[in-house]
Each structure stands twice: as structure tokens, then as C-alpha cells.
């Protein structure tokens, strides 16, 4: 059978796809949450200090979600996102201040957070300097070269209302940690 041939109407692959938990694991435990903790405030801030993309969800006029990967930072207890004034996300939060966002640590995908909150301010004040700061953090450059001159920049200041986080130490997944252990 050649690569791409079909068997019984299904595409042949070299990977077996199963929907059952693994039978054997190295780490045995009675506590299925062993190694998993909720994120501390320090760990939450750490997720925003790194170059992790933040996935921002806003609500369009018809109520459907609009998800966009963005650069962000956390200052004190607020999340700051830089965008341009005529962007879809800015238009959405002008009509409905509710947002949701998710951050997953690039180097440890088991450190993650989901946040529900509200945009408490949309401001152009300091937005250009904020974009330069984010470009330095995410690109290593103090300038964002893709900026269109006619796009007025603004900062969305977000107040988190509900934070749901998880942190699993890398040792647990290197030791074949599995939530199916009993």
C-alpha cells in the first residue's frame, strides 16, 4: 500500500489514532492531580513576562466569538493589549466589554491560564510607546516595522474577573504522568 492509499474508505497513516487512555505508565499514583497545581499570582505574572502569545476572544455584534493571537503584558492586576483603533477587536469591545483570553507557556504547555474579564479602558495615551515595548519583548526590536502610519494605536486595559490556571511541573510529563492513573 502506497502512502495516501485508502483502506476501507479511510486514509492510511503510520499513526494509530485511539480514543482510550494509555495502559501502562511509569508513574503510579492514586491522586490524578499529582503534580498539578493552580497558578500562583507570581506564576500568572510570569506567563505575561515571557514571549507567550495571548489568545484574545471578543464578541462580535451578532454574539459570535472572534479569537485573535495578540501580544500582551500584565501591569499590576491589569492586562494591556495594544491594537489599532479600527481593528475588529476594538470595535467589538466598544460594543461589549466582555472578553476571554488564554495564555499557554511556550516552553511548558502545561502551564496555562484562561481569564474572563472586562475592558475597563480604551486609550490612545501611551499606545505608541507601549507598542515599542511589546515589539522589544516579542521581537527583540524596539520598533514594530509592520505598523501602518494611518493606524492610530490604542491600549485595551483589561480587568480580570475570573482566572482559571493550571501548572504541571515538567518532571511529571517527562515521567509519563497521565491523568488516567488510578
C-alpha atoms as a PDB file:
ATOM      1  CA  UNK A   1       0.000   0.000   0.000  1.00  0.00           C
ATOM      2  CA  UNK A   2       1.435   3.370  -1.042  1.00  0.00           C
ATOM      3  CA  UNK A   3       1.356   6.494   1.115  1.00  0.00           C
ATOM      4  CA  UNK A   4      -2.041   8.150   0.663  1.00  0.00           C
ATOM      5  CA  UNK A   5      -3.814   4.912  -0.372  1.00  0.00           C
ATOM      6  CA  UNK A   6      -7.163   4.349   1.250  1.00  0.00           C
ATOM      7  CA  UNK A   7      -8.132   1.259   3.183  1.00  0.00           C
ATOM      8  CA  UNK A   8     -11.814   0.750   3.951  1.00  0.00           C
ATOM      9  CA  UNK A   9     -12.507   4.350   2.905  1.00  0.00           C
ATOM     10  CA  UNK A  10     -10.022   5.754   5.439  1.00  0.00           C
ATOM     11  CA  UNK A  11      -6.680   7.381   4.719  1.00  0.00           C
ATOM     12  CA  UNK A  12      -3.780   5.065   5.592  1.00  0.00           C
ATOM     13  CA  UNK A  13      -1.363   6.578   8.091  1.00  0.00           C
ATOM     14  CA  UNK A  14       1.640   5.445  10.067  1.00  0.00           C
ATOM     15  CA  UNK A  15      -0.009   6.688  13.264  1.00  0.00           C
ATOM     16  CA  UNK A  16      -2.621   4.736  15.165  1.00  0.00           C
ATOM     17  CA  UNK A  17      -5.286   7.092  16.459  1.00  0.00           C
ATOM     18  CA  UNK A  18      -7.029   5.810  19.555  1.00  0.00           C
ATOM     19  CA  UNK A  19      -9.515   7.309  21.960  1.00  0.00           C
ATOM     20  CA  UNK A  20      -8.561   5.400  25.096  1.00  0.00           C
ATOM     21  CA  UNK A  21      -6.105   6.157  27.900  1.00  0.00           C
ATOM     22  CA  UNK A  22      -2.656   4.531  27.767  1.00  0.00           C
ATOM     23  CA  UNK A  23      -2.472   1.123  29.500  1.00  0.00           C
ATOM     24  CA  UNK A  24       0.863   1.486  31.253  1.00  0.00           C
ATOM     25  CA  UNK A  25       2.614   4.475  32.720  1.00  0.00           C
ATOM     26  CA  UNK A  26       5.822   4.823  34.660  1.00  0.00           C
ATOM     27  CA  UNK A  27       4.414   6.998  37.436  1.00  0.00           C
ATOM     28  CA  UNK A  28       1.756   5.334  39.569  1.00  0.00           C
ATOM     29  CA  UNK A  29      -0.372   7.422  41.854  1.00  0.00           C
ATOM     30  CA  UNK A  30      -3.817   7.432  43.404  1.00  0.00           C
ATOM     31  CA  UNK A  31      -4.033  11.194  43.058  1.00  0.00           C
ATOM     32  CA  UNK A  32      -4.916  12.119  39.473  1.00  0.00           C
ATOM     33  CA  UNK A  33      -3.900  15.708  40.116  1.00  0.00           C
ATOM     34  CA  UNK A  34      -0.392  14.800  41.316  1.00  0.00           C
ATOM     35  CA  UNK A  35       1.973  17.436  40.022  1.00  0.00           C
ATOM     36  CA  UNK A  36      -0.825  19.796  39.041  1.00  0.00           C
ATOM     37  CA  UNK A  37      -1.378  22.975  40.959  1.00  0.00           C
ATOM     38  CA  UNK A  38      -3.316  26.146  40.477  1.00  0.00           C
ATOM     39  CA  UNK A  39      -1.249  29.074  39.306  1.00  0.00           C
ATOM     40  CA  UNK A  40       0.067  31.441  41.924  1.00  0.00           C
ATOM     41  CA  UNK A  41      -0.043  35.183  41.315  1.00  0.00           C
ATOM     42  CA  UNK A  42       3.701  35.048  40.615  1.00  0.00           C
ATOM     43  CA  UNK A  43       3.239  32.283  38.012  1.00  0.00           C
ATOM     44  CA  UNK A  44       0.404  34.235  36.406  1.00  0.00           C
ATOM     45  CA  UNK A  45       2.604  37.319  36.034  1.00  0.00           C
ATOM     46  CA  UNK A  46       5.425  35.086  34.757  1.00  0.00           C
ATOM     47  CA  UNK A  47       3.225  33.883  31.856  1.00  0.00           C
ATOM     48  CA  UNK A  48       2.844  37.511  30.758  1.00  0.00           C
ATOM     49  CA  UNK A  49       6.560  38.319  31.179  1.00  0.00           C
ATOM     50  CA  UNK A  50       7.581  35.691  28.636  1.00  0.00           C
ATOM     51  CA  UNK A  51       7.074  35.878  24.859  1.00  0.00           C
ATOM     52  CA  UNK A  52       3.880  33.809  25.060  1.00  0.00           C
ATOM     53  CA  UNK A  53       1.130  34.720  22.632  1.00  0.00           C
ATOM     54  CA  UNK A  54      -2.185  35.588  24.241  1.00  0.00           C
ATOM     55  CA  UNK A  55      -5.351  34.403  22.512  1.00  0.00           C
ATOM     56  CA  UNK A  56      -7.985  37.088  22.953  1.00  0.00           C
ATOM     57  CA  UNK A  57     -11.664  36.370  22.373  1.00  0.00           C
ATOM     58  CA  UNK A  58     -14.120  39.217  21.858  1.00  0.00           C
ATOM     59  CA  UNK A  59     -17.818  39.118  20.955  1.00  0.00           C
ATOM     60  CA  UNK A  60     -18.974  40.422  17.597  1.00  0.00           C
ATOM     61  CA  UNK A  61     -22.276  42.274  17.149  1.00  0.00           C
ATOM     62  CA  UNK A  62     -24.151  39.036  16.454  1.00  0.00           C
ATOM     63  CA  UNK A  63     -22.672  37.422  19.582  1.00  0.00           C
ATOM     64  CA  UNK A  64     -20.256  35.097  17.804  1.00  0.00           C
ATOM     65  CA  UNK A  65     -16.730  34.822  19.240  1.00  0.00           C
ATOM     66  CA  UNK A  66     -13.745  36.378  17.495  1.00  0.00           C
ATOM     67  CA  UNK A  67     -10.364  34.963  18.573  1.00  0.00           C
ATOM     68  CA  UNK A  68      -7.078  36.694  17.802  1.00  0.00           C
ATOM     69  CA  UNK A  69      -3.492  35.943  18.880  1.00  0.00           C
ATOM     70  CA  UNK A  70      -2.044  39.132  20.362  1.00  0.00           C
ATOM     71  CA  UNK A  71       0.918  40.479  22.287  1.00  0.00           C
ATOM     72  CA  UNK A  72       0.135  41.438  25.858  1.00  0.00           C
ATOM     73  CA  UNK A  73       1.625  42.376  29.182  1.00  0.00           C
ATOM     74  CA  UNK A  74       0.375  42.380  32.743  1.00  0.00           C
ATOM     75  CA  UNK A  75       0.917  45.548  34.741  1.00  0.00           C
ATOM     76  CA  UNK A  76      -0.147  45.248  38.361  1.00  0.00           C
ATOM     77  CA  UNK A  77      -3.521  43.490  38.088  1.00  0.00           C
ATOM     78  CA  UNK A  78      -4.423  44.693  34.593  1.00  0.00           C
ATOM     79  CA  UNK A  79      -3.734  43.091  31.226  1.00  0.00           C
ATOM     80  CA  UNK A  80      -2.693  45.500  28.476  1.00  0.00           C
ATOM     81  CA  UNK A  81      -3.189  44.725  24.804  1.00  0.00           C
ATOM     82  CA  UNK A  82      -2.143  47.062  22.008  1.00  0.00           C
ATOM     83  CA  UNK A  83      -4.207  47.242  18.821  1.00  0.00           C
ATOM     84  CA  UNK A  84      -5.260  49.786  16.246  1.00  0.00           C
ATOM     85  CA  UNK A  85      -8.398  51.843  16.545  1.00  0.00           C
ATOM     86  CA  UNK A  86     -10.248  50.372  13.545  1.00  0.00           C
ATOM     87  CA  UNK A  87      -9.474  46.728  14.403  1.00  0.00           C
ATOM     88  CA  UNK A  88     -12.304  44.228  14.791  1.00  0.00           C
ATOM     89  CA  UNK A  89     -11.336  43.534  18.424  1.00  0.00           C
ATOM     90  CA  UNK A  90     -11.511  47.228  19.312  1.00  0.00           C
ATOM     91  CA  UNK A  91     -14.891  47.607  17.608  1.00  0.00           C
ATOM     92  CA  UNK A  92     -16.169  44.511  19.432  1.00  0.00           C
ATOM     93  CA  UNK A  93     -15.112  45.707  22.893  1.00  0.00           C
ATOM     94  CA  UNK A  94     -16.620  49.116  22.181  1.00  0.00           C
ATOM     95  CA  UNK A  95     -19.995  47.343  21.903  1.00  0.00           C
ATOM     96  CA  UNK A  96     -19.456  44.603  24.517  1.00  0.00           C
ATOM     97  CA  UNK A  97     -16.688  44.943  27.133  1.00  0.00           C
ATOM     98  CA  UNK A  98     -16.579  41.223  27.965  1.00  0.00           C
ATOM     99  CA  UNK A  99     -13.508  39.287  26.841  1.00  0.00           C
ATOM    100  CA  UNK A 100     -11.863  35.945  27.429  1.00  0.00           C
ATOM    101  CA  UNK A 101      -8.221  35.149  26.901  1.00  0.00           C
ATOM    102  CA  UNK A 102      -5.902  32.216  27.146  1.00  0.00           C
ATOM    103  CA  UNK A 103      -2.146  32.003  27.604  1.00  0.00           C
ATOM    104  CA  UNK A 104      -0.078  28.827  27.293  1.00  0.00           C
ATOM    105  CA  UNK A 105       3.601  28.867  28.200  1.00  0.00           C
ATOM    106  CA  UNK A 106       5.702  28.243  25.108  1.00  0.00           C
ATOM    107  CA  UNK A 107       8.314  26.053  26.861  1.00  0.00           C
ATOM    108  CA  UNK A 108       5.891  24.198  29.148  1.00  0.00           C
ATOM    109  CA  UNK A 109       2.433  23.861  27.584  1.00  0.00           C
ATOM    110  CA  UNK A 110       1.111  22.505  30.876  1.00  0.00           C
ATOM    111  CA  UNK A 111       1.448  25.970  32.427  1.00  0.00           C
ATOM    112  CA  UNK A 112      -1.627  27.780  31.217  1.00  0.00           C
ATOM    113  CA  UNK A 113      -4.317  30.209  32.197  1.00  0.00           C
ATOM    114  CA  UNK A 114      -7.768  31.159  30.957  1.00  0.00           C
ATOM    115  CA  UNK A 115      -9.138  34.516  32.022  1.00  0.00           C
ATOM    116  CA  UNK A 116     -12.560  36.105  31.757  1.00  0.00           C
ATOM    117  CA  UNK A 117     -12.743  39.829  32.245  1.00  0.00           C
ATOM    118  CA  UNK A 118     -13.806  43.232  31.002  1.00  0.00           C
ATOM    119  CA  UNK A 119     -12.150  46.022  29.098  1.00  0.00           C
ATOM    120  CA  UNK A 120     -12.189  48.920  31.542  1.00  0.00           C
ATOM    121  CA  UNK A 121     -10.441  51.432  29.297  1.00  0.00           C
ATOM    122  CA  UNK A 122      -9.580  52.018  25.640  1.00  0.00           C
ATOM    123  CA  UNK A 123      -6.952  54.741  25.378  1.00  0.00           C
ATOM    124  CA  UNK A 124      -4.538  56.161  22.832  1.00  0.00           C
ATOM    125  CA  UNK A 125      -2.434  57.706  25.605  1.00  0.00           C
ATOM    126  CA  UNK A 126       0.965  55.997  25.675  1.00  0.00           C
ATOM    127  CA  UNK A 127      -0.072  53.484  22.974  1.00  0.00           C
ATOM    128  CA  UNK A 128       2.892  54.161  20.664  1.00  0.00           C
ATOM    129  CA  UNK A 129       5.417  53.671  23.482  1.00  0.00           C
ATOM    130  CA  UNK A 130       3.514  50.577  24.616  1.00  0.00           C
ATOM    131  CA  UNK A 131       3.771  49.077  21.109  1.00  0.00           C
ATOM    132  CA  UNK A 132       7.542  49.704  21.116  1.00  0.00           C
ATOM    133  CA  UNK A 133       7.831  47.955  24.494  1.00  0.00           C
ATOM    134  CA  UNK A 134       5.864  44.951  23.203  1.00  0.00           C
ATOM    135  CA  UNK A 135       7.944  44.826  20.000  1.00  0.00           C
ATOM    136  CA  UNK A 136      11.106  44.740  22.139  1.00  0.00           C
ATOM    137  CA  UNK A 137       9.679  41.890  24.225  1.00  0.00           C
ATOM    138  CA  UNK A 138       8.261  39.777  21.389  1.00  0.00           C
ATOM    139  CA  UNK A 139      10.630  40.594  18.506  1.00  0.00           C
ATOM    140  CA  UNK A 140      13.764  41.711  20.326  1.00  0.00           C
ATOM    141  CA  UNK A 141      13.498  45.035  18.485  1.00  0.00           C
ATOM    142  CA  UNK A 142      12.410  48.382  19.837  1.00  0.00           C
ATOM    143  CA  UNK A 143      10.322  49.045  16.761  1.00  0.00           C
ATOM    144  CA  UNK A 144       7.326  47.427  15.114  1.00  0.00           C
ATOM    145  CA  UNK A 145       8.094  47.618  11.392  1.00  0.00           C
ATOM    146  CA  UNK A 146       4.686  46.385  10.211  1.00  0.00           C
ATOM    147  CA  UNK A 147       2.805  49.331  11.617  1.00  0.00           C
ATOM    148  CA  UNK A 148       0.803  51.286   9.074  1.00  0.00           C
ATOM    149  CA  UNK A 149       1.234  55.043   9.607  1.00  0.00           C
ATOM    150  CA  UNK A 150      -2.501  55.732   9.331  1.00  0.00           C
ATOM    151  CA  UNK A 151      -3.397  53.203  12.042  1.00  0.00           C
ATOM    152  CA  UNK A 152      -3.944  55.016  15.319  1.00  0.00           C
ATOM    153  CA  UNK A 153      -2.782  52.735  18.141  1.00  0.00           C
ATOM    154  CA  UNK A 154      -4.751  52.175  21.339  1.00  0.00           C
ATOM    155  CA  UNK A 155      -4.321  50.176  24.519  1.00  0.00           C
ATOM    156  CA  UNK A 156      -7.058  47.905  25.815  1.00  0.00           C
ATOM    157  CA  UNK A 157      -6.862  47.735  29.621  1.00  0.00           C
ATOM    158  CA  UNK A 158      -8.471  44.539  30.853  1.00  0.00           C
ATOM    159  CA  UNK A 159      -9.553  43.796  34.424  1.00  0.00           C
ATOM    160  CA  UNK A 160      -9.598  40.027  35.063  1.00  0.00           C
ATOM    161  CA  UNK A 161     -12.749  38.796  36.806  1.00  0.00           C
ATOM    162  CA  UNK A 162     -12.217  35.036  36.743  1.00  0.00           C
ATOM    163  CA  UNK A 163      -8.838  33.313  36.464  1.00  0.00           C
ATOM    164  CA  UNK A 164      -8.550  29.584  35.888  1.00  0.00           C
ATOM    165  CA  UNK A 165      -4.980  28.320  35.721  1.00  0.00           C
ATOM    166  CA  UNK A 166      -3.010  25.127  35.809  1.00  0.00           C
ATOM    167  CA  UNK A 167       0.640  24.408  36.370  1.00  0.00           C
ATOM    168  CA  UNK A 168       2.131  20.953  35.951  1.00  0.00           C
ATOM    169  CA  UNK A 169       5.817  20.589  36.644  1.00  0.00           C
ATOM    170  CA  UNK A 170       7.714  19.287  33.590  1.00  0.00           C
ATOM    171  CA  UNK A 171       9.057  16.315  35.559  1.00  0.00           C
ATOM    172  CA  UNK A 172       5.570  14.852  35.709  1.00  0.00           C
ATOM    173  CA  UNK A 173       5.075  14.698  31.978  1.00  0.00           C
ATOM    174  CA  UNK A 174       8.632  13.504  31.369  1.00  0.00           C
ATOM    175  CA  UNK A 175       7.842  10.615  33.720  1.00  0.00           C
ATOM    176  CA  UNK A 176       4.750   9.765  31.661  1.00  0.00           C
ATOM    177  CA  UNK A 177       2.356  11.469  34.048  1.00  0.00           C
ATOM    178  CA  UNK A 178      -1.160  10.647  32.990  1.00  0.00           C
ATOM    179  CA  UNK A 179      -4.496  11.805  34.352  1.00  0.00           C
ATOM    180  CA  UNK A 180      -5.797   8.298  33.737  1.00  0.00           C
ATOM    181  CA  UNK A 181      -3.694   6.823  36.562  1.00  0.00           C
ATOM    182  CA  UNK A 182      -5.844   5.485  39.315  1.00  0.00           C
END
